Amino acid sequence: MHVRIVTFGLNVPVEAYAARAMHKAPHFSDWPGLLGKWWLADTASETFGGVYLFASPQDAERSRDTELFRGMFTNPALKDVTVREFDVLDAPTAITAPNLQSVSALREAT
């Protein structure tokens, strides 16, 4: 599995961002190999973003070619966009998040 963590600030009110996020959320299900996305909000520090879990690094790589991914960097509502990616250590993750391992195995089988 592979994890992407994206963070950014906002140039729009939180309410406007939240409404737009609801509109965009269904489009992430079009990304093959995306096992889940968690939407992040820390209003105290005005930091927002997402944690993406991919079945493989190749799936994460393919998602970078989408308008949805590229749009984060050109969206005037977002500022200071950062993207970090990590491989997942499978053995300890199987202990602490066994359900995620099962989901990944199911996705790979289909």
PDB file of N, CA and C in Angstrom:
ATOM      1  N   MET A   1       0.842  -1.180   0.000  1.00  0.00           N
ATOM      2  CA  MET A   1       0.000   0.000   0.000  1.00  0.00           C
ATOM      3  C   MET A   1       0.884   1.238   0.000  1.00  0.00           C
ATOM      4  N   HIS A   2       0.267   2.355  -0.307  1.00  0.00           N
ATOM      5  CA  HIS A   2       0.980   3.619  -0.447  1.00  0.00           C
ATOM      6  C   HIS A   2       0.085   4.730   0.097  1.00  0.00           C
ATOM      7  N   VAL A   3       0.679   5.676   0.813  1.00  0.00           N
ATOM      8  CA  VAL A   3      -0.072   6.767   1.431  1.00  0.00           C
ATOM      9  C   VAL A   3       0.392   8.103   0.860  1.00  0.00           C
ATOM     10  N   ARG A   4      -0.563   8.963   0.573  1.00  0.00           N
ATOM     11  CA  ARG A   4      -0.281  10.346   0.170  1.00  0.00           C
ATOM     12  C   ARG A   4      -0.925  11.259   1.206  1.00  0.00           C
ATOM     13  N   ILE A   5      -0.161  12.239   1.662  1.00  0.00           N
ATOM     14  CA  ILE A   5      -0.692  13.245   2.585  1.00  0.00           C
ATOM     15  C   ILE A   5      -0.567  14.602   1.906  1.00  0.00           C
ATOM     16  N   VAL A   6      -1.701  15.254   1.742  1.00  0.00           N
ATOM     17  CA  VAL A   6      -1.759  16.569   1.113  1.00  0.00           C
ATOM     18  C   VAL A   6      -2.241  17.564   2.168  1.00  0.00           C
ATOM     19  N   THR A   7      -1.555  18.703   2.275  1.00  0.00           N
ATOM     20  CA  THR A   7      -2.016  19.772   3.159  1.00  0.00           C
ATOM     21  C   THR A   7      -1.989  21.090   2.397  1.00  0.00           C
ATOM     22  N   PHE A   8      -2.835  22.009   2.841  1.00  0.00           N
ATOM     23  CA  PHE A   8      -2.897  23.327   2.213  1.00  0.00           C
ATOM     24  C   PHE A   8      -3.658  24.284   3.122  1.00  0.00           C
ATOM     25  N   GLY A   9      -3.524  25.561   2.832  1.00  0.00           N
ATOM     26  CA  GLY A   9      -4.323  26.597   3.458  1.00  0.00           C
ATOM     27  C   GLY A   9      -5.430  27.002   2.503  1.00  0.00           C
ATOM     28  N   LEU A  10      -6.316  27.855   2.984  1.00  0.00           N
ATOM     29  CA  LEU A  10      -7.456  28.286   2.182  1.00  0.00           C
ATOM     30  C   LEU A  10      -7.412  29.775   1.889  1.00  0.00           C
ATOM     31  N   ASN A  11      -7.844  30.140   0.699  1.00  0.00           N
ATOM     32  CA  ASN A  11      -8.059  31.535   0.321  1.00  0.00           C
ATOM     33  C   ASN A  11      -9.545  31.871   0.289  1.00  0.00           C
ATOM     34  N   VAL A  12     -10.367  30.941   0.773  1.00  0.00           N
ATOM     35  CA  VAL A  12     -11.825  31.118   0.811  1.00  0.00           C
ATOM     36  C   VAL A  12     -12.308  30.756   2.215  1.00  0.00           C
ATOM     37  N   PRO A  13     -13.522  31.146   2.581  1.00  0.00           N
ATOM     38  CA  PRO A  13     -14.056  30.733   3.882  1.00  0.00           C
ATOM     39  C   PRO A  13     -14.179  29.207   3.976  1.00  0.00           C
ATOM     40  N   VAL A  14     -14.042  28.709   5.189  1.00  0.00           N
ATOM     41  CA  VAL A  14     -14.117  27.265   5.431  1.00  0.00           C
ATOM     42  C   VAL A  14     -15.424  26.694   4.891  1.00  0.00           C
ATOM     43  N   GLU A  15     -16.510  27.406   5.057  1.00  0.00           N
ATOM     44  CA  GLU A  15     -17.810  26.918   4.610  1.00  0.00           C
ATOM     45  C   GLU A  15     -17.836  26.720   3.097  1.00  0.00           C
ATOM     46  N   ALA A  16     -17.208  27.635   2.360  1.00  0.00           N
ATOM     47  CA  ALA A  16     -17.157  27.513   0.902  1.00  0.00           C
ATOM     48  C   ALA A  16     -16.315  26.300   0.509  1.00  0.00           C
ATOM     49  N   TYR A  17     -15.197  26.107   1.203  1.00  0.00           N
ATOM     50  CA  TYR A  17     -14.354  24.941   0.921  1.00  0.00           C
ATOM     51  C   TYR A  17     -15.112  23.649   1.223  1.00  0.00           C
ATOM     52  N   ALA A  18     -15.798  23.593   2.362  1.00  0.00           N
ATOM     53  CA  ALA A  18     -16.526  22.380   2.757  1.00  0.00           C
ATOM     54  C   ALA A  18     -17.614  22.039   1.737  1.00  0.00           C
ATOM     55  N   ALA A  19     -18.294  23.038   1.232  1.00  0.00           N
ATOM     56  CA  ALA A  19     -19.326  22.802   0.216  1.00  0.00           C
ATOM     57  C   ALA A  19     -18.698  22.262  -1.067  1.00  0.00           C
ATOM     58  N   ARG A  20     -17.568  22.821  -1.455  1.00  0.00           N
ATOM     59  CA  ARG A  20     -16.886  22.358  -2.667  1.00  0.00           C
ATOM     60  C   ARG A  20     -16.342  20.942  -2.477  1.00  0.00           C
ATOM     61  N   ALA A  21     -15.869  20.637  -1.275  1.00  0.00           N
ATOM     62  CA  ALA A  21     -15.365  19.292  -0.987  1.00  0.00           C
ATOM     63  C   ALA A  21     -16.475  18.257  -1.141  1.00  0.00           C
ATOM     64  N   MET A  22     -17.664  18.579  -0.692  1.00  0.00           N
ATOM     65  CA  MET A  22     -18.794  17.656  -0.849  1.00  0.00           C
ATOM     66  C   MET A  22     -19.079  17.400  -2.325  1.00  0.00           C
ATOM     67  N   HIS A  23     -18.925  18.423  -3.144  1.00  0.00           N
ATOM     68  CA  HIS A  23     -19.148  18.284  -4.583  1.00  0.00           C
ATOM     69  C   HIS A  23     -18.053  17.426  -5.229  1.00  0.00           C
ATOM     70  N   LYS A  24     -16.814  17.601  -4.797  1.00  0.00           N
ATOM     71  CA  LYS A  24     -15.673  16.896  -5.396  1.00  0.00           C
ATOM     72  C   LYS A  24     -15.522  15.464  -4.878  1.00  0.00           C
ATOM     73  N   ALA A  25     -15.963  15.171  -3.673  1.00  0.00           N
ATOM     74  CA  ALA A  25     -15.709  13.877  -3.031  1.00  0.00           C
ATOM     75  C   ALA A  25     -16.058  12.674  -3.915  1.00  0.00           C
ATOM     76  N   PRO A  26     -17.208  12.628  -4.569  1.00  0.00           N
ATOM     77  CA  PRO A  26     -17.526  11.442  -5.368  1.00  0.00           C
ATOM     78  C   PRO A  26     -16.548  11.184  -6.515  1.00  0.00           C
ATOM     79  N   HIS A  27     -15.875  12.222  -6.997  1.00  0.00           N
ATOM     80  CA  HIS A  27     -14.963  12.065  -8.131  1.00  0.00           C
ATOM     81  C   HIS A  27     -13.707  11.272  -7.770  1.00  0.00           C
ATOM     82  N   PHE A  28     -13.366  11.232  -6.498  1.00  0.00           N
ATOM     83  CA  PHE A  28     -12.186  10.467  -6.098  1.00  0.00           C
ATOM     84  C   PHE A  28     -12.404   8.966  -6.244  1.00  0.00           C
ATOM     85  N   SER A  29     -13.651   8.532  -6.235  1.00  0.00           N
ATOM     86  CA  SER A  29     -13.913   7.098  -6.397  1.00  0.00           C
ATOM     87  C   SER A  29     -13.574   6.614  -7.810  1.00  0.00           C
ATOM     88  N   ASP A  30     -13.318   7.539  -8.727  1.00  0.00           N
ATOM     89  CA  ASP A  30     -12.915   7.175 -10.085  1.00  0.00           C
ATOM     90  C   ASP A  30     -11.439   6.778 -10.164  1.00  0.00           C
ATOM     91  N   TRP A  31     -10.666   7.025  -9.122  1.00  0.00           N
ATOM     92  CA  TRP A  31      -9.246   6.716  -9.141  1.00  0.00           C
ATOM     93  C   TRP A  31      -9.045   5.233  -8.876  1.00  0.00           C
ATOM     94  N   PRO A  32      -8.612   4.473  -9.874  1.00  0.00           N
ATOM     95  CA  PRO A  32      -8.333   3.050  -9.637  1.00  0.00           C
ATOM     96  C   PRO A  32      -7.257   2.888  -8.568  1.00  0.00           C
ATOM     97  N   GLY A  33      -7.492   1.951  -7.665  1.00  0.00           N
ATOM     98  CA  GLY A  33      -6.510   1.667  -6.628  1.00  0.00           C
ATOM     99  C   GLY A  33      -6.591   2.560  -5.412  1.00  0.00           C
ATOM    100  N   LEU A  34      -7.472   3.557  -5.413  1.00  0.00           N
ATOM    101  CA  LEU A  34      -7.643   4.384  -4.211  1.00  0.00           C
ATOM    102  C   LEU A  34      -8.538   3.631  -3.241  1.00  0.00           C
ATOM    103  N   LEU A  35      -7.981   3.269  -2.101  1.00  0.00           N
ATOM    104  CA  LEU A  35      -8.726   2.502  -1.099  1.00  0.00           C
ATOM    105  C   LEU A  35      -9.550   3.401  -0.195  1.00  0.00           C
ATOM    106  N   GLY A  36      -9.144   4.652  -0.060  1.00  0.00           N
ATOM    107  CA  GLY A  36      -9.900   5.580   0.769  1.00  0.00           C
ATOM    108  C   GLY A  36      -9.226   6.928   0.836  1.00  0.00           C
ATOM    109  N   LYS A  37     -10.013   7.946   1.149  1.00  0.00           N
ATOM    110  CA  LYS A  37      -9.503   9.292   1.366  1.00  0.00           C
ATOM    111  C   LYS A  37     -10.139   9.825   2.637  1.00  0.00           C
ATOM    112  N   TRP A  38      -9.305  10.383   3.500  1.00  0.00           N
ATOM    113  CA  TRP A  38      -9.770  11.028   4.718  1.00  0.00           C
ATOM    114  C   TRP A  38      -9.535  12.521   4.551  1.00  0.00           C
ATOM    115  N   TRP A  39     -10.581  13.303   4.736  1.00  0.00           N
ATOM    116  CA  TRP A  39     -10.522  14.756   4.576  1.00  0.00           C
ATOM    117  C   TRP A  39     -10.092  15.353   5.914  1.00  0.00           C
ATOM    118  N   LEU A  40      -9.084  16.212   5.889  1.00  0.00           N
ATOM    119  CA  LEU A  40      -8.506  16.766   7.105  1.00  0.00           C
ATOM    120  C   LEU A  40      -8.880  18.232   7.282  1.00  0.00           C
ATOM    121  N   ALA A  41      -9.074  18.628   8.532  1.00  0.00           N
ATOM    122  CA  ALA A  41      -9.343  20.029   8.837  1.00  0.00           C
ATOM    123  C   ALA A  41      -8.812  20.350  10.224  1.00  0.00           C
ATOM    124  N   ASP A  42      -7.952  21.338  10.288  1.00  0.00           N
ATOM    125  CA  ASP A  42      -7.488  21.895  11.555  1.00  0.00           C
ATOM    126  C   ASP A  42      -7.763  23.384  11.479  1.00  0.00           C
ATOM    127  N   THR A  43      -8.957  23.770  11.903  1.00  0.00           N
ATOM    128  CA  THR A  43      -9.367  25.165  11.756  1.00  0.00           C
ATOM    129  C   THR A  43      -8.515  26.095  12.611  1.00  0.00           C
ATOM    130  N   ALA A  44      -7.971  25.600  13.716  1.00  0.00           N
ATOM    131  CA  ALA A  44      -7.136  26.448  14.574  1.00  0.00           C
ATOM    132  C   ALA A  44      -5.884  26.916  13.821  1.00  0.00           C
ATOM    133  N   SER A  45      -5.262  26.017  13.052  1.00  0.00           N
ATOM    134  CA  SER A  45      -4.064  26.398  12.302  1.00  0.00           C
ATOM    135  C   SER A  45      -4.379  26.750  10.852  1.00  0.00           C
ATOM    136  N   GLU A  46      -5.662  26.660  10.495  1.00  0.00           N
ATOM    137  CA  GLU A  46      -6.121  26.927   9.132  1.00  0.00           C
ATOM    138  C   GLU A  46      -5.414  26.024   8.119  1.00  0.00           C
ATOM    139  N   THR A  47      -5.260  24.751   8.500  1.00  0.00           N
ATOM    140  CA  THR A  47      -4.650  23.741   7.638  1.00  0.00           C
ATOM    141  C   THR A  47      -5.705  22.704   7.281  1.00  0.00           C
ATOM    142  N   PHE A  48      -5.774  22.385   6.003  1.00  0.00           N
ATOM    143  CA  PHE A  48      -6.741  21.418   5.500  1.00  0.00           C
ATOM    144  C   PHE A  48      -6.018  20.458   4.583  1.00  0.00           C
ATOM    145  N   GLY A  49      -6.692  19.414   4.151  1.00  0.00           N
ATOM    146  CA  GLY A  49      -6.053  18.489   3.227  1.00  0.00           C
ATOM    147  C   GLY A  49      -6.697  17.135   3.228  1.00  0.00           C
ATOM    148  N   GLY A  50      -5.878  16.125   2.908  1.00  0.00           N
ATOM    149  CA  GLY A  50      -6.398  14.774   2.836  1.00  0.00           C
ATOM    150  C   GLY A  50      -5.297  13.748   2.984  1.00  0.00           C
ATOM    151  N   VAL A  51      -5.709  12.581   3.444  1.00  0.00           N
ATOM    152  CA  VAL A  51      -4.842  11.408   3.495  1.00  0.00           C
ATOM    153  C   VAL A  51      -5.462  10.396   2.549  1.00  0.00           C
ATOM    154  N   TYR A  52      -4.656   9.938   1.602  1.00  0.00           N
ATOM    155  CA  TYR A  52      -5.101   9.021   0.569  1.00  0.00           C
ATOM    156  C   TYR A  52      -4.389   7.687   0.771  1.00  0.00           C
ATOM    157  N   LEU A  53      -5.135   6.607   0.722  1.00  0.00           N
ATOM    158  CA  LEU A  53      -4.541   5.284   0.810  1.00  0.00           C
ATOM    159  C   LEU A  53      -4.732   4.583  -0.529  1.00  0.00           C
ATOM    160  N   PHE A  54      -3.609   4.230  -1.158  1.00  0.00           N
ATOM    161  CA  PHE A  54      -3.621   3.561  -2.446  1.00  0.00           C
ATOM    162  C   PHE A  54      -3.201   2.114  -2.287  1.00  0.00           C
ATOM    163  N   ALA A  55      -3.681   1.259  -3.161  1.00  0.00           N
ATOM    164  CA  ALA A  55      -3.309  -0.148  -3.142  1.00  0.00           C
ATOM    165  C   ALA A  55      -1.839  -0.337  -3.493  1.00  0.00           C
ATOM    166  N   SER A  56      -1.287   0.576  -4.309  1.00  0.00           N
ATOM    167  CA  SER A  56       0.113   0.429  -4.726  1.00  0.00           C
ATOM    168  C   SER A  56       0.699   1.794  -5.077  1.00  0.00           C
ATOM    169  N   PRO A  57       2.030   1.892  -5.104  1.00  0.00           N
ATOM    170  CA  PRO A  57       2.658   3.129  -5.567  1.00  0.00           C
ATOM    171  C   PRO A  57       2.288   3.451  -7.019  1.00  0.00           C
ATOM    172  N   GLN A  58       2.072   2.422  -7.818  1.00  0.00           N
ATOM    173  CA  GLN A  58       1.690   2.639  -9.217  1.00  0.00           C
ATOM    174  C   GLN A  58       0.316   3.312  -9.318  1.00  0.00           C
ATOM    175  N   ASP A  59      -0.598   2.933  -8.435  1.00  0.00           N
ATOM    176  CA  ASP A  59      -1.917   3.575  -8.419  1.00  0.00           C
ATOM    177  C   ASP A  59      -1.787   5.049  -8.042  1.00  0.00           C
ATOM    178  N   ALA A  60      -0.933   5.344  -7.066  1.00  0.00           N
ATOM    179  CA  ALA A  60      -0.698   6.737  -6.676  1.00  0.00           C
ATOM    180  C   ALA A  60      -0.113   7.516  -7.855  1.00  0.00           C
ATOM    181  N   GLU A  61       0.825   6.912  -8.539  1.00  0.00           N
ATOM    182  CA  GLU A  61       1.452   7.557  -9.700  1.00  0.00           C
ATOM    183  C   GLU A  61       0.407   7.869 -10.775  1.00  0.00           C
ATOM    184  N   ARG A  62      -0.463   6.926 -11.071  1.00  0.00           N
ATOM    185  CA  ARG A  62      -1.510   7.148 -12.092  1.00  0.00           C
ATOM    186  C   ARG A  62      -2.429   8.300 -11.701  1.00  0.00           C
ATOM    187  N   SER A  63      -2.712   8.447 -10.422  1.00  0.00           N
ATOM    188  CA  SER A  63      -3.627   9.506  -9.990  1.00  0.00           C
ATOM    189  C   SER A  63      -3.050  10.893 -10.230  1.00  0.00           C
ATOM    190  N   ARG A  64      -1.723  10.997 -10.301  1.00  0.00           N
ATOM    191  CA  ARG A  64      -1.088  12.305 -10.528  1.00  0.00           C
ATOM    192  C   ARG A  64      -1.385  12.846 -11.920  1.00  0.00           C
ATOM    193  N   ASP A  65      -1.808  11.966 -12.817  1.00  0.00           N
ATOM    194  CA  ASP A  65      -2.130  12.390 -14.180  1.00  0.00           C
ATOM    195  C   ASP A  65      -3.580  12.837 -14.342  1.00  0.00           C
ATOM    196  N   THR A  66      -4.308  12.942 -13.255  1.00  0.00           N
ATOM    197  CA  THR A  66      -5.715  13.325 -13.341  1.00  0.00           C
ATOM    198  C   THR A  66      -5.888  14.826 -13.165  1.00  0.00           C
ATOM    199  N   GLU A  67      -6.944  15.331 -13.757  1.00  0.00           N
ATOM    200  CA  GLU A  67      -7.284  16.743 -13.604  1.00  0.00           C
ATOM    201  C   GLU A  67      -7.544  17.075 -12.131  1.00  0.00           C
ATOM    202  N   LEU A  68      -8.137  16.137 -11.431  1.00  0.00           N
ATOM    203  CA  LEU A  68      -8.448  16.347 -10.013  1.00  0.00           C
ATOM    204  C   LEU A  68      -7.176  16.597  -9.201  1.00  0.00           C
ATOM    205  N   PHE A  69      -6.136  15.803  -9.441  1.00  0.00           N
ATOM    206  CA  PHE A  69      -4.876  15.991  -8.718  1.00  0.00           C
ATOM    207  C   PHE A  69      -4.190  17.281  -9.152  1.00  0.00           C
ATOM    208  N   ARG A  70      -4.022  17.469 -10.448  1.00  0.00           N
ATOM    209  CA  ARG A  70      -3.337  18.664 -10.949  1.00  0.00           C
ATOM    210  C   ARG A  70      -4.067  19.945 -10.558  1.00  0.00           C
ATOM    211  N   GLY A  71      -5.387  19.853 -10.450  1.00  0.00           N
ATOM    212  CA  GLY A  71      -6.177  21.024 -10.114  1.00  0.00           C
ATOM    213  C   GLY A  71      -5.898  21.600  -8.742  1.00  0.00           C
ATOM    214  N   MET A  72      -5.366  20.775  -7.840  1.00  0.00           N
ATOM    215  CA  MET A  72      -5.046  21.302  -6.502  1.00  0.00           C
ATOM    216  C   MET A  72      -4.017  22.431  -6.586  1.00  0.00           C
ATOM    217  N   PHE A  73      -3.115  22.328  -7.546  1.00  0.00           N
ATOM    218  CA  PHE A  73      -2.018  23.287  -7.641  1.00  0.00           C
ATOM    219  C   PHE A  73      -2.405  24.569  -8.376  1.00  0.00           C
ATOM    220  N   THR A  74      -3.525  24.542  -9.079  1.00  0.00           N
ATOM    221  CA  THR A  74      -3.980  25.721  -9.818  1.00  0.00           C
ATOM    222  C   THR A  74      -5.260  26.316  -9.248  1.00  0.00           C
ATOM    223  N   ASN A  75      -5.830  25.673  -8.248  1.00  0.00           N
ATOM    224  CA  ASN A  75      -7.082  26.141  -7.650  1.00  0.00           C
ATOM    225  C   ASN A  75      -6.816  27.391  -6.822  1.00  0.00           C
ATOM    226  N   PRO A  76      -7.417  28.540  -7.187  1.00  0.00           N
ATOM    227  CA  PRO A  76      -7.162  29.775  -6.439  1.00  0.00           C
ATOM    228  C   PRO A  76      -7.703  29.746  -5.003  1.00  0.00           C
ATOM    229  N   ALA A  77      -8.570  28.785  -4.692  1.00  0.00           N
ATOM    230  CA  ALA A  77      -9.092  28.674  -3.330  1.00  0.00           C
ATOM    231  C   ALA A  77      -8.081  28.050  -2.373  1.00  0.00           C
ATOM    232  N   LEU A  78      -7.048  27.388  -2.924  1.00  0.00           N
ATOM    233  CA  LEU A  78      -6.050  26.706  -2.099  1.00  0.00           C
ATOM    234  C   LEU A  78      -4.718  27.432  -2.176  1.00  0.00           C
ATOM    235  N   LYS A  79      -3.969  27.394  -1.070  1.00  0.00           N
ATOM    236  CA  LYS A  79      -2.628  27.991  -1.070  1.00  0.00           C
ATOM    237  C   LYS A  79      -1.660  27.068  -0.334  1.00  0.00           C
ATOM    238  N   ASP A  80      -0.407  27.187  -0.690  1.00  0.00           N
ATOM    239  CA  ASP A  80       0.656  26.443  -0.012  1.00  0.00           C
ATOM    240  C   ASP A  80       0.391  24.930  -0.008  1.00  0.00           C
ATOM    241  N   VAL A  81       0.060  24.383  -1.164  1.00  0.00           N
ATOM    242  CA  VAL A  81      -0.228  22.953  -1.280  1.00  0.00           C
ATOM    243  C   VAL A  81       1.076  22.159  -1.144  1.00  0.00           C
ATOM    244  N   THR A  82       1.066  21.176  -0.243  1.00  0.00           N
ATOM    245  CA  THR A  82       2.204  20.265  -0.102  1.00  0.00           C
ATOM    246  C   THR A  82       1.712  18.834  -0.277  1.00  0.00           C
ATOM    247  N   VAL A  83       2.545  18.017  -0.898  1.00  0.00           N
ATOM    248  CA  VAL A  83       2.220  16.612  -1.131  1.00  0.00           C
ATOM    249  C   VAL A  83       3.404  15.779  -0.675  1.00  0.00           C
ATOM    250  N   ARG A  84       3.134  14.810   0.189  1.00  0.00           N
ATOM    251  CA  ARG A  84       4.157  13.859   0.621  1.00  0.00           C
ATOM    252  C   ARG A  84       3.590  12.465   0.445  1.00  0.00           C
ATOM    253  N   GLU A  85       4.459  11.537   0.034  1.00  0.00           N
ATOM    254  CA  GLU A  85       4.012  10.163  -0.186  1.00  0.00           C
ATOM    255  C   GLU A  85       4.934   9.193   0.535  1.00  0.00           C
ATOM    256  N   PHE A  86       4.341   8.071   0.950  1.00  0.00           N
ATOM    257  CA  PHE A  86       5.054   7.085   1.740  1.00  0.00           C
ATOM    258  C   PHE A  86       4.627   5.684   1.337  1.00  0.00           C
ATOM    259  N   ASP A  87       5.567   4.758   1.344  1.00  0.00           N
ATOM    260  CA  ASP A  87       5.222   3.345   1.284  1.00  0.00           C
ATOM    261  C   ASP A  87       4.736   2.941   2.677  1.00  0.00           C
ATOM    262  N   VAL A  88       3.917   1.912   2.727  1.00  0.00           N
ATOM    263  CA  VAL A  88       3.398   1.406   3.993  1.00  0.00           C
ATOM    264  C   VAL A  88       4.198   0.166   4.380  1.00  0.00           C
ATOM    265  N   LEU A  89       4.600   0.100   5.643  1.00  0.00           N
ATOM    266  CA  LEU A  89       5.247  -1.105   6.165  1.00  0.00           C
ATOM    267  C   LEU A  89       4.146  -2.126   6.430  1.00  0.00           C
ATOM    268  N   ASP A  90       4.047  -3.124   5.564  1.00  0.00           N
ATOM    269  CA  ASP A  90       2.926  -4.050   5.588  1.00  0.00           C
ATOM    270  C   ASP A  90       2.829  -4.885   6.857  1.00  0.00           C
ATOM    271  N   ALA A  91       3.930  -5.419   7.353  1.00  0.00           N
ATOM    272  CA  ALA A  91       3.866  -6.336   8.498  1.00  0.00           C
ATOM    273  C   ALA A  91       3.307  -5.668   9.759  1.00  0.00           C
ATOM    274  N   PRO A  92       3.845  -4.532  10.220  1.00  0.00           N
ATOM    275  CA  PRO A  92       3.257  -3.931  11.413  1.00  0.00           C
ATOM    276  C   PRO A  92       1.864  -3.354  11.156  1.00  0.00           C
ATOM    277  N   THR A  93       1.619  -2.906   9.911  1.00  0.00           N
ATOM    278  CA  THR A  93       0.291  -2.375   9.589  1.00  0.00           C
ATOM    279  C   THR A  93      -0.761  -3.479   9.650  1.00  0.00           C
ATOM    280  N   ALA A  94      -0.399  -4.694   9.291  1.00  0.00           N
ATOM    281  CA  ALA A  94      -1.335  -5.820   9.378  1.00  0.00           C
ATOM    282  C   ALA A  94      -1.780  -6.055  10.811  1.00  0.00           C
ATOM    283  N   ILE A  95      -0.946  -5.676  11.773  1.00  0.00           N
ATOM    284  CA  ILE A  95      -1.296  -5.821  13.190  1.00  0.00           C
ATOM    285  C   ILE A  95      -2.171  -4.668  13.660  1.00  0.00           C
ATOM    286  N   THR A  96      -1.800  -3.441  13.288  1.00  0.00           N
ATOM    287  CA  THR A  96      -2.501  -2.272  13.814  1.00  0.00           C
ATOM    288  C   THR A  96      -3.697  -1.833  12.985  1.00  0.00           C
ATOM    289  N   ALA A  97      -3.770  -2.271  11.736  1.00  0.00           N
ATOM    290  CA  ALA A  97      -4.893  -1.926  10.856  1.00  0.00           C
ATOM    291  C   ALA A  97      -5.251  -3.128   9.993  1.00  0.00           C
ATOM    292  N   PRO A  98      -5.645  -4.235  10.608  1.00  0.00           N
ATOM    293  CA  PRO A  98      -5.883  -5.457   9.832  1.00  0.00           C
ATOM    294  C   PRO A  98      -6.989  -5.314   8.799  1.00  0.00           C
ATOM    295  N   ASN A  99      -7.987  -4.500   9.057  1.00  0.00           N
ATOM    296  CA  ASN A  99      -9.070  -4.326   8.089  1.00  0.00           C
ATOM    297  C   ASN A  99      -8.577  -3.676   6.805  1.00  0.00           C
ATOM    298  N   LEU A 100      -7.599  -2.782   6.916  1.00  0.00           N
ATOM    299  CA  LEU A 100      -7.054  -2.153   5.715  1.00  0.00           C
ATOM    300  C   LEU A 100      -6.316  -3.163   4.858  1.00  0.00           C
ATOM    301  N   GLN A 101      -5.633  -4.088   5.477  1.00  0.00           N
ATOM    302  CA  GLN A 101      -4.939  -5.131   4.723  1.00  0.00           C
ATOM    303  C   GLN A 101      -5.949  -5.992   3.970  1.00  0.00           C
ATOM    304  N   SER A 102      -7.081  -6.287   4.610  1.00  0.00           N
ATOM    305  CA  SER A 102      -8.118  -7.097   3.968  1.00  0.00           C
ATOM    306  C   SER A 102      -8.714  -6.376   2.771  1.00  0.00           C
ATOM    307  N   VAL A 103      -8.966  -5.085   2.903  1.00  0.00           N
ATOM    308  CA  VAL A 103      -9.514  -4.294   1.808  1.00  0.00           C
ATOM    309  C   VAL A 103      -8.546  -4.272   0.646  1.00  0.00           C
ATOM    310  N   SER A 104      -7.270  -4.080   0.936  1.00  0.00           N
ATOM    311  CA  SER A 104      -6.268  -4.054  -0.119  1.00  0.00           C
ATOM    312  C   SER A 104      -6.207  -5.392  -0.852  1.00  0.00           C
ATOM    313  N   ALA A 105      -6.252  -6.482  -0.115  1.00  0.00           N
ATOM    314  CA  ALA A 105      -6.203  -7.804  -0.733  1.00  0.00           C
ATOM    315  C   ALA A 105      -7.437  -8.036  -1.614  1.00  0.00           C
ATOM    316  N   LEU A 106      -8.592  -7.592  -1.170  1.00  0.00           N
ATOM    317  CA  LEU A 106      -9.816  -7.737  -1.971  1.00  0.00           C
ATOM    318  C   LEU A 106      -9.715  -6.943  -3.266  1.00  0.00           C
ATOM    319  N   ARG A 107      -9.215  -5.713  -3.190  1.00  0.00           N
ATOM    320  CA  ARG A 107      -9.104  -4.877  -4.376  1.00  0.00           C
ATOM    321  C   ARG A 107      -8.132  -5.495  -5.381  1.00  0.00           C
ATOM    322  N   GLU A 108      -7.040  -6.077  -4.892  1.00  0.00           N
ATOM    323  CA  GLU A 108      -6.058  -6.684  -5.777  1.00  0.00           C
ATOM    324  C   GLU A 108      -6.621  -7.935  -6.445  1.00  0.00           C
ATOM    325  N   ALA A 109      -7.541  -8.631  -5.791  1.00  0.00           N
ATOM    326  CA  ALA A 109      -8.107  -9.861  -6.333  1.00  0.00           C
ATOM    327  C   ALA A 109      -9.119  -9.590  -7.444  1.00  0.00           C
ATOM    328  N   THR A 110      -9.674  -8.399  -7.487  1.00  0.00           N
ATOM    329  CA  THR A 110     -10.704  -8.082  -8.500  1.00  0.00           C
ATOM    330  C   THR A 110     -10.128  -7.419  -9.707  1.00  0.00           C
TER     331      THR A 110
END
